[in-house]
C-alpha atoms as a PDB file:
ATOM      1  CA  MET A   1      26.065 162.630 -94.784  1.00  0.00           C
ATOM      2  CA  HIS A   2      28.022 164.233 -97.592  1.00  0.00           C
ATOM      3  CA  ILE A   3      27.422 167.147 -99.972  1.00  0.00           C
ATOM      4  CA  GLN A   4      28.465 167.478-103.603  1.00  0.00           C
ATOM      5  CA  GLN A   5      28.338 170.629-105.748  1.00  0.00           C
ATOM      6  CA  ALA A   6      27.701 170.737-109.506  1.00  0.00           C
ATOM      7  CA  PRO A   7      26.679 173.350-112.112  1.00  0.00           C
ATOM      8  CA  PHE A   8      22.933 173.671-112.795  1.00  0.00           C
ATOM      9  CA  GLY A   9      22.633 176.513-115.287  1.00  0.00           C
ATOM     10  CA  THR A  10      23.404 180.112-116.214  1.00  0.00           C
ATOM     11  CA  LEU A  11      21.282 183.134-115.281  1.00  0.00           C
ATOM     12  CA  PRO A  12      20.418 185.823-117.877  1.00  0.00           C
ATOM     13  CA  THR A  13      22.910 188.032-116.025  1.00  0.00           C
ATOM     14  CA  GLY A  14      25.659 185.470-116.613  1.00  0.00           C
ATOM     15  CA  GLY A  15      25.737 184.227-113.038  1.00  0.00           C
ATOM     16  CA  GLN A  16      26.268 180.517-112.513  1.00  0.00           C
ATOM     17  CA  VAL A  17      23.727 178.520-110.500  1.00  0.00           C
ATOM     18  CA  SER A  18      24.921 175.490-108.557  1.00  0.00           C
ATOM     19  CA  VAL A  19      23.071 172.439-107.307  1.00  0.00           C
ATOM     20  CA  PHE A  20      24.122 170.811-104.055  1.00  0.00           C
ATOM     21  CA  THR A  21      23.325 167.122-103.525  1.00  0.00           C
ATOM     22  CA  LEU A  22      22.959 165.975 -99.919  1.00  0.00           C
ATOM     23  CA  THR A  23      23.148 162.198 -99.376  1.00  0.00           C
ATOM     24  CA  ASN A  24      22.818 160.292 -96.107  1.00  0.00           C
ATOM     25  CA  ALA A  25      23.897 156.827 -94.999  1.00  0.00           C
ATOM     26  CA  SER A  26      20.611 155.195 -96.033  1.00  0.00           C
ATOM     27  CA  GLY A  27      20.799 156.559 -99.591  1.00  0.00           C
ATOM     28  CA  MET A  28      18.232 159.364 -99.294  1.00  0.00           C
ATOM     29  CA  THR A  29      19.199 162.322-101.484  1.00  0.00           C
ATOM     30  CA  VAL A  30      18.108 165.958-101.548  1.00  0.00           C
ATOM     31  CA  LYS A  31      19.112 168.437-104.244  1.00  0.00           C
ATOM     32  CA  ILE A  32      19.173 172.174-103.468  1.00  0.00           C
ATOM     33  CA  LEU A  33      19.992 175.202-105.629  1.00  0.00           C
ATOM     34  CA  ASP A  34      21.801 178.330-104.478  1.00  0.00           C
ATOM     35  CA  LEU A  35      19.117 180.172-106.494  1.00  0.00           C
ATOM     36  CA  GLY A  36      16.243 180.704-104.075  1.00  0.00           C
ATOM     37  CA  GLY A  37      17.477 177.889-101.839  1.00  0.00           C
ATOM     38  CA  ILE A  38      15.206 175.724-104.008  1.00  0.00           C
ATOM     39  CA  ILE A  39      14.827 172.039-103.165  1.00  0.00           C
ATOM     40  CA  THR A  40      14.552 170.453-106.624  1.00  0.00           C
ATOM     41  CA  GLU A  41      14.518 166.747-105.726  1.00  0.00           C
ATOM     42  CA  ILE A  42      13.895 164.516-102.683  1.00  0.00           C
ATOM     43  CA  HIS A  43      14.495 160.805-103.231  1.00  0.00           C
ATOM     44  CA  VAL A  44      13.126 158.507-100.516  1.00  0.00           C
ATOM     45  CA  PRO A  45      12.224 154.783-100.429  1.00  0.00           C
ATOM     46  CA  ASP A  46       8.810 153.153-100.228  1.00  0.00           C
ATOM     47  CA  ARG A  47       8.018 150.166 -97.994  1.00  0.00           C
ATOM     48  CA  ASN A  48       9.780 147.873-100.475  1.00  0.00           C
ATOM     49  CA  GLY A  49      12.914 149.991-100.606  1.00  0.00           C
ATOM     50  CA  THR A  50      12.148 151.481-104.031  1.00  0.00           C
ATOM     51  CA  PHE A  51      13.219 155.107-104.276  1.00  0.00           C
ATOM     52  CA  ALA A  52      11.135 157.851-105.898  1.00  0.00           C
ATOM     53  CA  ASP A  53      11.405 161.625-106.153  1.00  0.00           C
ATOM     54  CA  VAL A  54       8.620 163.062-103.953  1.00  0.00           C
ATOM     55  CA  ALA A  55       9.268 166.772-104.619  1.00  0.00           C
ATOM     56  CA  LEU A  56       7.634 168.735-107.430  1.00  0.00           C
ATOM     57  CA  GLY A  57      10.123 170.716-109.453  1.00  0.00           C
ATOM     58  CA  PHE A  58      12.194 170.982-112.614  1.00  0.00           C
ATOM     59  CA  ASP A  59      15.427 169.450-113.881  1.00  0.00           C
ATOM     60  CA  THR A  60      16.579 172.592-115.715  1.00  0.00           C
ATOM     61  CA  LEU A  61      16.995 176.201-114.639  1.00  0.00           C
ATOM     62  CA  ALA A  62      14.719 177.985-117.121  1.00  0.00           C
ATOM     63  CA  PRO A  63      11.346 176.951-115.615  1.00  0.00           C
ATOM     64  CA  TYR A  64      12.406 178.266-112.213  1.00  0.00           C
ATOM     65  CA  LEU A  65      12.926 181.681-113.817  1.00  0.00           C
ATOM     66  CA  GLY A  66       9.462 181.591-115.382  1.00  0.00           C
ATOM     67  CA  ASP A  67       6.030 181.306-113.831  1.00  0.00           C
ATOM     68  CA  SER A  68       6.980 178.742-111.197  1.00  0.00           C
ATOM     69  CA  PRO A  69       4.567 178.490-108.231  1.00  0.00           C
ATOM     70  CA  TYR A  70       7.405 178.707-105.659  1.00  0.00           C
ATOM     71  CA  PHE A  71       8.308 175.018-106.146  1.00  0.00           C
ATOM     72  CA  GLY A  72      10.761 174.091-103.367  1.00  0.00           C
ATOM     73  CA  ALA A  73      11.830 177.664-102.633  1.00  0.00           C
ATOM     74  CA  LEU A  74      12.820 179.691 -99.604  1.00  0.00           C
ATOM     75  CA  ILE A  75      10.242 182.427 -99.005  1.00  0.00           C
ATOM     76  CA  GLY A  76      10.896 185.909 -97.627  1.00  0.00           C
ATOM     77  CA  ARG A  77      11.049 188.587 -96.479  1.00  0.00           C
ATOM     78  CA  TYR A  78       7.441 187.764 -95.544  1.00  0.00           C
ATOM     79  CA  GLY A  79       5.831 184.433 -96.356  1.00  0.00           C
ATOM     80  CA  ASN A  80       2.135 184.423 -97.270  1.00  0.00           C
ATOM     81  CA  ARG A  81       0.028 187.546 -97.902  1.00  0.00           C
ATOM     82  CA  ILE A  82       0.074 191.124 -96.653  1.00  0.00           C
ATOM     83  CA  ALA A  83      -3.230 192.848 -97.421  1.00  0.00           C
ATOM     84  CA  ARG A  84      -3.096 195.495-100.154  1.00  0.00           C
ATOM     85  CA  GLY A  85       0.695 195.532 -99.806  1.00  0.00           C
ATOM     86  CA  ARG A  86       0.456 197.951 -96.902  1.00  0.00           C
ATOM     87  CA  PHE A  87       1.307 198.036 -93.222  1.00  0.00           C
ATOM     88  CA  THR A  88       2.157 200.616 -90.572  1.00  0.00           C
ATOM     89  CA  LEU A  89       5.119 200.142 -88.244  1.00  0.00           C
ATOM     90  CA  ASP A  90       6.062 202.505 -85.431  1.00  0.00           C
ATOM     91  CA  GLY A  91       3.771 205.151 -86.907  1.00  0.00           C
ATOM     92  CA  GLN A  92       5.231 205.013 -90.409  1.00  0.00           C
ATOM     93  CA  ALA A  93       3.268 203.652 -93.377  1.00  0.00           C
ATOM     94  CA  TYR A  94       4.983 201.291 -95.822  1.00  0.00           C
ATOM     95  CA  THR A  95       3.858 200.219 -99.290  1.00  0.00           C
ATOM     96  CA  LEU A  96       4.923 196.926-100.862  1.00  0.00           C
ATOM     97  CA  PRO A  97       4.406 195.829-104.474  1.00  0.00           C
ATOM     98  CA  VAL A  98       1.250 193.782-105.043  1.00  0.00           C
ATOM     99  CA  ASN A  99       1.806 190.570-106.995  1.00  0.00           C
ATOM    100  CA  ASN A 100      -1.232 188.474-106.047  1.00  0.00           C
ATOM    101  CA  GLY A 101      -4.370 190.312-107.063  1.00  0.00           C
ATOM    102  CA  LYS A 102      -4.691 193.194-104.614  1.00  0.00           C
ATOM    103  CA  ASN A 103      -2.137 191.747-102.196  1.00  0.00           C
ATOM    104  CA  HIS A 104       1.560 191.287-101.588  1.00  0.00           C
ATOM    105  CA  LEU A 105       2.569 187.608-101.602  1.00  0.00           C
ATOM    106  CA  HIS A 106       5.749 185.813-100.494  1.00  0.00           C
ATOM    107  CA  GLY A 107       8.002 188.869-100.436  1.00  0.00           C
ATOM    108  CA  GLY A 108       7.139 190.285-103.859  1.00  0.00           C
ATOM    109  CA  VAL A 109       9.030 189.949-107.149  1.00  0.00           C
ATOM    110  CA  PRO A 110      11.768 189.112-106.753  1.00  0.00           C
ATOM    111  CA  GLY A 111      11.326 187.580-103.347  1.00  0.00           C
ATOM    112  CA  PHE A 112      13.895 185.398-101.638  1.00  0.00           C
ATOM    113  CA  ASP A 113      12.785 182.575-103.965  1.00  0.00           C
ATOM    114  CA  ARG A 114      14.353 184.316-107.001  1.00  0.00           C
ATOM    115  CA  VAL A 115      17.611 185.710-105.593  1.00  0.00           C
ATOM    116  CA  GLN A 116      20.960 183.961-105.617  1.00  0.00           C
ATOM    117  CA  TRP A 117      22.177 183.101-102.140  1.00  0.00           C
ATOM    118  CA  GLN A 118      25.830 182.883-101.140  1.00  0.00           C
ATOM    119  CA  ALA A 119      26.514 179.203-100.538  1.00  0.00           C
ATOM    120  CA  ARG A 120      29.137 177.388 -98.508  1.00  0.00           C
ATOM    121  CA  ILE A 121      29.484 173.925 -97.039  1.00  0.00           C
ATOM    122  CA  ASP A 122      30.063 173.839 -93.285  1.00  0.00           C
ATOM    123  CA  ASN A 123      30.778 170.239 -92.247  1.00  0.00           C
ATOM    124  CA  ASP A 124      27.437 168.478 -92.849  1.00  0.00           C
ATOM    125  CA  GLU A 125      25.400 171.616 -93.540  1.00  0.00           C
ATOM    126  CA  LEU A 126      24.689 173.634 -96.651  1.00  0.00           C
ATOM    127  CA  VAL A 127      24.739 177.262 -95.511  1.00  0.00           C
ATOM    128  CA  LEU A 128      22.976 179.878 -97.637  1.00  0.00           C
ATOM    129  CA  SER A 129      23.247 183.606 -96.873  1.00  0.00           C
ATOM    130  CA  TYR A 130      21.530 186.646 -98.359  1.00  0.00           C
ATOM    131  CA  ARG A 131      21.551 190.372 -97.523  1.00  0.00           C
ATOM    132  CA  SER A 132      18.227 192.048 -98.281  1.00  0.00           C
ATOM    133  CA  VAL A 133      19.020 195.753 -98.410  1.00  0.00           C
ATOM    134  CA  ASP A 134      16.948 198.543 -96.883  1.00  0.00           C
ATOM    135  CA  GLY A 135      13.965 199.272 -99.128  1.00  0.00           C
ATOM    136  CA  GLU A 136      14.104 196.021-101.095  1.00  0.00           C
ATOM    137  CA  GLN A 137      10.529 195.241-102.173  1.00  0.00           C
ATOM    138  CA  GLY A 138       9.476 198.126 -99.923  1.00  0.00           C
ATOM    139  CA  TYR A 139      10.624 196.614 -96.627  1.00  0.00           C
ATOM    140  CA  PRO A 140      12.456 198.771 -94.090  1.00  0.00           C
ATOM    141  CA  GLY A 141      15.900 197.863 -92.807  1.00  0.00           C
ATOM    142  CA  THR A 142      18.752 195.740 -94.094  1.00  0.00           C
ATOM    143  CA  LEU A 143      18.074 192.110 -93.232  1.00  0.00           C
ATOM    144  CA  ASP A 144      20.909 189.580 -93.054  1.00  0.00           C
ATOM    145  CA  ALA A 145      19.401 186.108 -93.469  1.00  0.00           C
ATOM    146  CA  THR A 146      21.044 182.716 -93.212  1.00  0.00           C
ATOM    147  CA  VAL A 147      19.514 179.308 -93.868  1.00  0.00           C
ATOM    148  CA  ARG A 148      21.187 176.063 -92.889  1.00  0.00           C
ATOM    149  CA  TYR A 149      20.074 172.895 -94.662  1.00  0.00           C
ATOM    150  CA  SER A 150      21.118 169.467 -93.427  1.00  0.00           C
ATOM    151  CA  LEU A 151      20.050 165.861 -93.954  1.00  0.00           C
ATOM    152  CA  THR A 152      20.222 163.449 -91.028  1.00  0.00           C
ATOM    153  CA  ASP A 153      20.703 159.702 -91.176  1.00  0.00           C
ATOM    154  CA  ASP A 154      17.151 159.446 -89.787  1.00  0.00           C
ATOM    155  CA  ASN A 155      15.879 160.967 -93.073  1.00  0.00           C
ATOM    156  CA  ASP A 156      15.155 164.409 -91.617  1.00  0.00           C
ATOM    157  CA  ILE A 157      15.587 167.469 -93.836  1.00  0.00           C
ATOM    158  CA  VAL A 158      16.485 170.133 -91.268  1.00  0.00           C
ATOM    159  CA  VAL A 159      15.929 173.815 -92.109  1.00  0.00           C
ATOM    160  CA  ARG A 160      17.300 176.421 -89.687  1.00  0.00           C
ATOM    161  CA  PHE A 161      16.649 180.128 -90.267  1.00  0.00           C
ATOM    162  CA  HIS A 162      18.631 182.995 -88.717  1.00  0.00           C
ATOM    163  CA  ALA A 163      18.218 186.713 -89.380  1.00  0.00           C
ATOM    164  CA  THR A 164      19.139 190.117 -87.952  1.00  0.00           C
ATOM    165  CA  THR A 165      18.158 193.645 -88.980  1.00  0.00           C
ATOM    166  CA  ASP A 166      19.287 197.230 -88.485  1.00  0.00           C
ATOM    167  CA  ARG A 167      15.693 198.600 -88.499  1.00  0.00           C
ATOM    168  CA  ALA A 168      12.389 197.199 -87.359  1.00  0.00           C
ATOM    169  CA  THR A 169      10.877 195.081 -90.132  1.00  0.00           C
ATOM    170  CA  PRO A 170       8.373 192.253 -90.633  1.00  0.00           C
ATOM    171  CA  VAL A 171      10.010 188.836 -91.017  1.00  0.00           C
ATOM    172  CA  ASN A 172       8.249 185.555 -91.732  1.00  0.00           C
ATOM    173  CA  LEU A 173      10.534 183.063 -93.485  1.00  0.00           C
ATOM    174  CA  THR A 174       9.461 179.624 -94.659  1.00  0.00           C
ATOM    175  CA  GLN A 175      10.238 176.708 -96.968  1.00  0.00           C
ATOM    176  CA  HIS A 176       7.775 176.085 -99.804  1.00  0.00           C
ATOM    177  CA  SER A 177       8.322 172.562-101.120  1.00  0.00           C
ATOM    178  CA  TYR A 178       5.493 170.715-102.835  1.00  0.00           C
ATOM    179  CA  PHE A 179       5.269 166.996-102.090  1.00  0.00           C
ATOM    180  CA  ASN A 180       3.694 163.935-103.647  1.00  0.00           C
ATOM    181  CA  LEU A 181       4.552 160.841-101.628  1.00  0.00           C
ATOM    182  CA  ALA A 182       3.384 158.529-104.417  1.00  0.00           C
ATOM    183  CA  GLY A 183       5.924 160.104-106.760  1.00  0.00           C
ATOM    184  CA  GLY A 184       3.179 161.242-109.165  1.00  0.00           C
ATOM    185  CA  GLY A 185      -0.560 161.481-109.760  1.00  0.00           C
ATOM    186  CA  SER A 186      -3.105 163.076-107.438  1.00  0.00           C
ATOM    187  CA  ILE A 187      -2.516 163.756-103.738  1.00  0.00           C
ATOM    188  CA  LEU A 188      -6.229 163.518-102.835  1.00  0.00           C
ATOM    189  CA  ASP A 189      -5.845 159.974-101.454  1.00  0.00           C
ATOM    190  CA  HIS A 190      -2.951 160.972 -99.207  1.00  0.00           C
ATOM    191  CA  GLU A 191      -4.030 160.886 -95.569  1.00  0.00           C
ATOM    192  CA  LEU A 192      -3.294 164.011 -93.546  1.00  0.00           C
ATOM    193  CA  LEU A 193      -3.184 164.466 -89.792  1.00  0.00           C
ATOM    194  CA  LEU A 194      -2.863 168.082 -88.598  1.00  0.00           C
ATOM    195  CA  ASP A 195      -2.021 168.853 -84.984  1.00  0.00           C
ATOM    196  CA  ALA A 196      -4.177 171.971 -85.059  1.00  0.00           C
ATOM    197  CA  GLY A 197      -7.468 172.710 -83.329  1.00  0.00           C
ATOM    198  CA  ALA A 198      -8.031 176.003 -85.134  1.00  0.00           C
ATOM    199  CA  PHE A 199      -7.357 177.655 -88.465  1.00  0.00           C
ATOM    200  CA  VAL A 200      -7.225 181.180 -89.886  1.00  0.00           C
ATOM    201  CA  PRO A 201     -10.407 181.988 -91.870  1.00  0.00           C
ATOM    202  CA  ILE A 202      -9.893 184.163 -94.934  1.00  0.00           C
ATOM    203  CA  ASP A 203     -11.974 186.421 -97.164  1.00  0.00           C
ATOM    204  CA  ALA A 204     -12.396 186.101-100.927  1.00  0.00           C
ATOM    205  CA  ASP A 205      -8.989 187.788-101.403  1.00  0.00           C
ATOM    206  CA  LEU A 206      -7.374 185.170 -99.114  1.00  0.00           C
ATOM    207  CA  ILE A 207      -6.779 187.734 -96.351  1.00  0.00           C
ATOM    208  CA  PRO A 208      -7.518 186.821 -92.699  1.00  0.00           C
ATOM    209  CA  PHE A 209     -10.437 188.375 -90.860  1.00  0.00           C
ATOM    210  CA  GLY A 210      -8.194 188.613 -87.781  1.00  0.00           C
ATOM    211  CA  ALA A 211      -9.530 185.810 -85.595  1.00  0.00           C
ATOM    212  CA  LEU A 212      -9.158 182.044 -85.408  1.00  0.00           C
ATOM    213  CA  ALA A 213     -11.931 179.498 -85.939  1.00  0.00           C
ATOM    214  CA  PRO A 214     -12.157 175.978 -84.484  1.00  0.00           C
ATOM    215  CA  VAL A 215     -11.746 173.149 -86.981  1.00  0.00           C
ATOM    216  CA  GLY A 216     -14.329 170.923 -85.268  1.00  0.00           C
ATOM    217  CA  GLY A 217     -17.315 170.116 -87.464  1.00  0.00           C
ATOM    218  CA  THR A 218     -15.708 171.655 -90.566  1.00  0.00           C
ATOM    219  CA  PRO A 219     -13.790 170.298 -93.579  1.00  0.00           C
ATOM    220  CA  PHE A 220     -10.677 171.695 -91.855  1.00  0.00           C
ATOM    221  CA  ASP A 221     -10.718 169.065 -89.118  1.00  0.00           C
ATOM    222  CA  PHE A 222      -7.702 166.826 -89.710  1.00  0.00           C
ATOM    223  CA  VAL A 223      -7.037 166.256 -85.999  1.00  0.00           C
ATOM    224  CA  SER A 224      -7.655 162.510 -86.233  1.00  0.00           C
ATOM    225  CA  GLY A 225      -6.373 162.182 -89.799  1.00  0.00           C
ATOM    226  CA  ARG A 226      -8.298 161.610 -93.047  1.00  0.00           C
ATOM    227  CA  ARG A 227      -7.903 161.760 -96.803  1.00  0.00           C
ATOM    228  CA  ILE A 228      -7.074 165.169 -98.230  1.00  0.00           C
ATOM    229  CA  GLY A 229      -9.804 164.696-100.806  1.00  0.00           C
ATOM    230  CA  GLU A 230     -12.494 163.493 -98.412  1.00  0.00           C
ATOM    231  CA  ARG A 231     -14.212 166.870 -97.943  1.00  0.00           C
ATOM    232  CA  ILE A 232     -12.320 169.153-100.329  1.00  0.00           C
ATOM    233  CA  ALA A 233     -15.268 169.428-102.750  1.00  0.00           C
ATOM    234  CA  GLU A 234     -17.892 170.331-100.130  1.00  0.00           C
ATOM    235  CA  ASP A 235     -19.969 173.488-100.464  1.00  0.00           C
ATOM    236  CA  ASP A 236     -18.043 175.436 -97.841  1.00  0.00           C
ATOM    237  CA  GLU A 237     -17.348 179.167 -98.014  1.00  0.00           C
ATOM    238  CA  GLN A 238     -13.748 178.809 -96.832  1.00  0.00           C
ATOM    239  CA  LEU A 239     -13.024 176.095 -99.387  1.00  0.00           C
ATOM    240  CA  ARG A 240     -14.534 178.311-102.077  1.00  0.00           C
ATOM    241  CA  HIS A 241     -12.303 181.211-101.063  1.00  0.00           C
ATOM    242  CA  GLY A 242      -9.165 179.062-101.280  1.00  0.00           C
ATOM    243  CA  GLY A 243     -10.220 176.927-104.248  1.00  0.00           C
ATOM    244  CA  GLY A 244      -9.636 174.074-101.829  1.00  0.00           C
ATOM    245  CA  TYR A 245      -7.225 174.109 -98.894  1.00  0.00           C
ATOM    246  CA  ASP A 246      -5.008 177.207 -98.877  1.00  0.00           C
ATOM    247  CA  HIS A 247      -5.185 178.124 -95.208  1.00  0.00           C
ATOM    248  CA  CYS A 248      -2.939 178.678 -92.218  1.00  0.00           C
ATOM    249  CA  PHE A 249      -3.565 176.378 -89.259  1.00  0.00           C
ATOM    250  CA  ALA A 250      -2.895 177.418 -85.654  1.00  0.00           C
ATOM    251  CA  LEU A 251      -0.822 174.561 -84.290  1.00  0.00           C
ATOM    252  CA  ASN A 252      -1.393 172.879 -80.940  1.00  0.00           C
ATOM    253  CA  LYS A 253       1.804 173.920 -79.169  1.00  0.00           C
ATOM    254  CA  PRO A 254       2.989 174.257 -75.575  1.00  0.00           C
ATOM    255  CA  SER A 255       3.784 177.739 -74.305  1.00  0.00           C
ATOM    256  CA  GLY A 256       7.196 178.985 -75.321  1.00  0.00           C
ATOM    257  CA  LYS A 257       9.303 178.010 -78.289  1.00  0.00           C
ATOM    258  CA  ALA A 258       9.480 174.276 -78.905  1.00  0.00           C
ATOM    259  CA  LEU A 259       9.983 171.930 -81.839  1.00  0.00           C
ATOM    260  CA  THR A 260       6.676 170.053 -82.043  1.00  0.00           C
ATOM    261  CA  ARG A 261       4.883 168.001 -84.670  1.00  0.00           C
ATOM    262  CA  ALA A 262       2.582 169.967 -86.953  1.00  0.00           C
ATOM    263  CA  ALA A 263       1.494 167.361 -89.481  1.00  0.00           C
ATOM    264  CA  ARG A 264       1.761 163.766 -90.634  1.00  0.00           C
ATOM    265  CA  VAL A 265       0.972 162.650 -94.200  1.00  0.00           C
ATOM    266  CA  ILE A 266       0.911 159.068 -95.486  1.00  0.00           C
ATOM    267  CA  ASP A 267       0.473 157.547 -98.916  1.00  0.00           C
ATOM    268  CA  ARG A 268      -0.980 154.118 -98.112  1.00  0.00           C
ATOM    269  CA  HIS A 269      -0.053 152.656-101.492  1.00  0.00           C
ATOM    270  CA  SER A 270       3.698 153.271-101.163  1.00  0.00           C
ATOM    271  CA  GLY A 271       3.842 153.427 -97.372  1.00  0.00           C
ATOM    272  CA  ARG A 272       5.801 156.683 -97.513  1.00  0.00           C
ATOM    273  CA  VAL A 273       5.249 158.999 -94.548  1.00  0.00           C
ATOM    274  CA  LEU A 274       6.145 162.677 -94.134  1.00  0.00           C
ATOM    275  CA  GLU A 275       6.046 164.421 -90.759  1.00  0.00           C
ATOM    276  CA  LEU A 276       6.656 168.121 -90.214  1.00  0.00           C
ATOM    277  CA  PHE A 277       8.123 169.354 -86.928  1.00  0.00           C
ATOM    278  CA  THR A 278       8.433 173.084 -86.375  1.00  0.00           C
ATOM    279  CA  GLU A 279       8.922 175.877 -83.863  1.00  0.00           C
ATOM    280  CA  GLU A 280       6.494 178.092 -85.751  1.00  0.00           C
ATOM    281  CA  PRO A 281       2.978 178.830 -84.396  1.00  0.00           C
ATOM    282  CA  GLY A 282       1.291 178.122 -87.727  1.00  0.00           C
ATOM    283  CA  MET A 283       1.449 176.049 -90.881  1.00  0.00           C
ATOM    284  CA  GLN A 284      -0.061 176.843 -94.264  1.00  0.00           C
ATOM    285  CA  PHE A 285      -1.597 173.755 -95.865  1.00  0.00           C
ATOM    286  CA  TYR A 286      -1.979 174.119 -99.622  1.00  0.00           C
ATOM    287  CA  SER A 287      -3.573 171.386-101.715  1.00  0.00           C
ATOM    288  CA  GLY A 288      -2.186 172.394-105.117  1.00  0.00           C
ATOM    289  CA  ASN A 289      -5.419 174.041-106.216  1.00  0.00           C
ATOM    290  CA  PHE A 290      -3.857 176.262-108.878  1.00  0.00           C
ATOM    291  CA  LEU A 291      -1.762 173.576-110.566  1.00  0.00           C
ATOM    292  CA  ASP A 292      -3.421 173.115-113.958  1.00  0.00           C
ATOM    293  CA  GLY A 293      -1.194 170.901-116.086  1.00  0.00           C
ATOM    294  CA  SER A 294       0.615 173.804-117.750  1.00  0.00           C
ATOM    295  CA  LEU A 295       3.904 173.012-115.957  1.00  0.00           C
ATOM    296  CA  THR A 296       6.082 170.005-116.693  1.00  0.00           C
ATOM    297  CA  GLY A 297       9.334 168.871-115.144  1.00  0.00           C
ATOM    298  CA  LYS A 298      11.394 165.767-114.463  1.00  0.00           C
ATOM    299  CA  GLY A 299       9.204 163.805-116.878  1.00  0.00           C
ATOM    300  CA  GLN A 300       5.936 164.746-115.182  1.00  0.00           C
ATOM    301  CA  THR A 301       3.006 167.042-115.840  1.00  0.00           C
ATOM    302  CA  TYR A 302       1.875 168.897-112.738  1.00  0.00           C
ATOM    303  CA  GLY A 303      -1.875 168.678-112.890  1.00  0.00           C
ATOM    304  CA  HIS A 304      -4.583 169.867-110.548  1.00  0.00           C
ATOM    305  CA  ARG A 305      -3.771 168.803-106.970  1.00  0.00           C
ATOM    306  CA  SER A 306      -0.723 166.795-107.943  1.00  0.00           C
ATOM    307  CA  GLY A 307       1.219 168.200-104.986  1.00  0.00           C
ATOM    308  CA  PHE A 308       0.675 169.616-101.506  1.00  0.00           C
ATOM    309  CA  ALA A 309       2.657 172.101 -99.442  1.00  0.00           C
ATOM    310  CA  LEU A 310       3.208 172.264 -95.683  1.00  0.00           C
ATOM    311  CA  GLU A 311       4.638 175.726 -94.973  1.00  0.00           C
ATOM    312  CA  PRO A 312       5.692 176.370 -91.352  1.00  0.00           C
ATOM    313  CA  GLN A 313       5.214 180.059 -90.627  1.00  0.00           C
ATOM    314  CA  HIS A 314       3.585 182.833 -88.652  1.00  0.00           C
ATOM    315  CA  PHE A 315       0.066 183.828 -89.642  1.00  0.00           C
ATOM    316  CA  PRO A 316      -0.638 185.745 -92.881  1.00  0.00           C
ATOM    317  CA  ASP A 317      -1.081 189.524 -92.743  1.00  0.00           C
ATOM    318  CA  SER A 318       0.228 189.639 -89.170  1.00  0.00           C
ATOM    319  CA  PRO A 319       1.647 193.186 -89.554  1.00  0.00           C
ATOM    320  CA  ASN A 320      -1.986 194.325 -89.937  1.00  0.00           C
ATOM    321  CA  GLN A 321      -3.507 191.927 -87.396  1.00  0.00           C
ATOM    322  CA  PRO A 322      -2.671 192.955 -83.808  1.00  0.00           C
ATOM    323  CA  ALA A 323      -4.238 189.803 -82.333  1.00  0.00           C
ATOM    324  CA  PHE A 324      -1.823 187.529 -84.235  1.00  0.00           C
ATOM    325  CA  PRO A 325       1.632 186.503 -82.947  1.00  0.00           C
ATOM    326  CA  ASN A 326       4.276 189.161 -83.504  1.00  0.00           C
ATOM    327  CA  THR A 327       6.323 189.117 -86.721  1.00  0.00           C
ATOM    328  CA  ILE A 328       8.323 192.326 -86.208  1.00  0.00           C
ATOM    329  CA  LEU A 329      12.083 191.878 -85.853  1.00  0.00           C
ATOM    330  CA  ARG A 330      13.952 194.770 -84.244  1.00  0.00           C
ATOM    331  CA  PRO A 331      17.628 195.749 -84.066  1.00  0.00           C
ATOM    332  CA  GLY A 332      19.436 193.758 -81.408  1.00  0.00           C
ATOM    333  CA  GLU A 333      17.013 190.848 -81.722  1.00  0.00           C
ATOM    334  CA  VAL A 334      17.737 187.564 -83.494  1.00  0.00           C
ATOM    335  CA  TYR A 335      15.199 185.746 -85.641  1.00  0.00           C
ATOM    336  CA  GLU A 336      15.717 182.000 -85.295  1.00  0.00           C
ATOM    337  CA  THR A 337      13.413 179.136 -86.165  1.00  0.00           C
ATOM    338  CA  GLU A 338      13.849 175.469 -87.057  1.00  0.00           C
ATOM    339  CA  SER A 339      11.692 173.029 -88.993  1.00  0.00           C
ATOM    340  CA  ARG A 340      12.228 169.358 -89.838  1.00  0.00           C
ATOM    341  CA  PHE A 341      10.680 167.367 -92.667  1.00  0.00           C
ATOM    342  CA  ARG A 342      10.942 163.722 -91.554  1.00  0.00           C
ATOM    343  CA  PHE A 343      10.497 160.862 -94.014  1.00  0.00           C
ATOM    344  CA  SER A 344       9.787 157.250 -93.054  1.00  0.00           C
ATOM    345  CA  VAL A 345       7.734 154.263 -94.172  1.00  0.00           C
ATOM    346  CA  GLU A 346       4.779 152.432 -92.713  1.00  0.00           C
ATOM    347  CA  GLN A 347       4.460 148.716 -93.460  1.00  0.00           C
END
């Protein structure tokens, strides 16, 4: 695997944004910006060896600075929603900016998706580092975050997160790529298998009630695998709340921290397969409900449900939900988590 660096554009502040191209022995390529750690392109073959770009994104810088729906970006300091932008930690109340209706989403504006990371190449890894200072977007403590991207010869995109803090703070980092394994069109015929027996129900503001619900007998049952579009239009309260699928799934995992499979997606027409492996307890599945054709990039128009996201993470609103797995990082502790996006083909 080798990495090449090239200019991608100039920020309004005058800063220069670079794109890093990772290429493996089989010809798979991944392009990543030092702005937001954004994955802009993922080129993988179909069953006939024909390559296509399966990542939604843009080929110029300007759209990423506009109203981009987190295409390909690193998310932090807290991925997903925090209700009303408020939480209490160690007896002290904190207020975060709200940028998604009444709620705080994906770290605020700017979140980690809009900041420029310090980039370096370390052997076969692209290493991105960012210091989020105390009080940034309302979060306590200075957080030092590092993300290591690599591409294996087995067509795995490996994402390793590392973070430390000098004060207790919520941390929930994730990668927010949108995929379309056909290289374009709708994703409703993609077949999804989710290794999750439960999901996190949400209210009309997309905030969890605080308990899990079994997927059995609901449109959220992907345990055996089925088309994304098979039940997405059913008259179901949870689907209405999300406008489709926009929910965190509680993954079937052994006790302790382990890299296990969360999901498998296949496009039968091309034969392309994507599997997600993660150490995280949850995964947000988003079916591109808010894509409306207003965004274009790389010669495509991103229409309704033209991409899906698999976001490995802890559960939304965990700082306000004591029953959910802990997301508080404290001084002396190390936040570490790994996820792998594995591409293959099925004949």
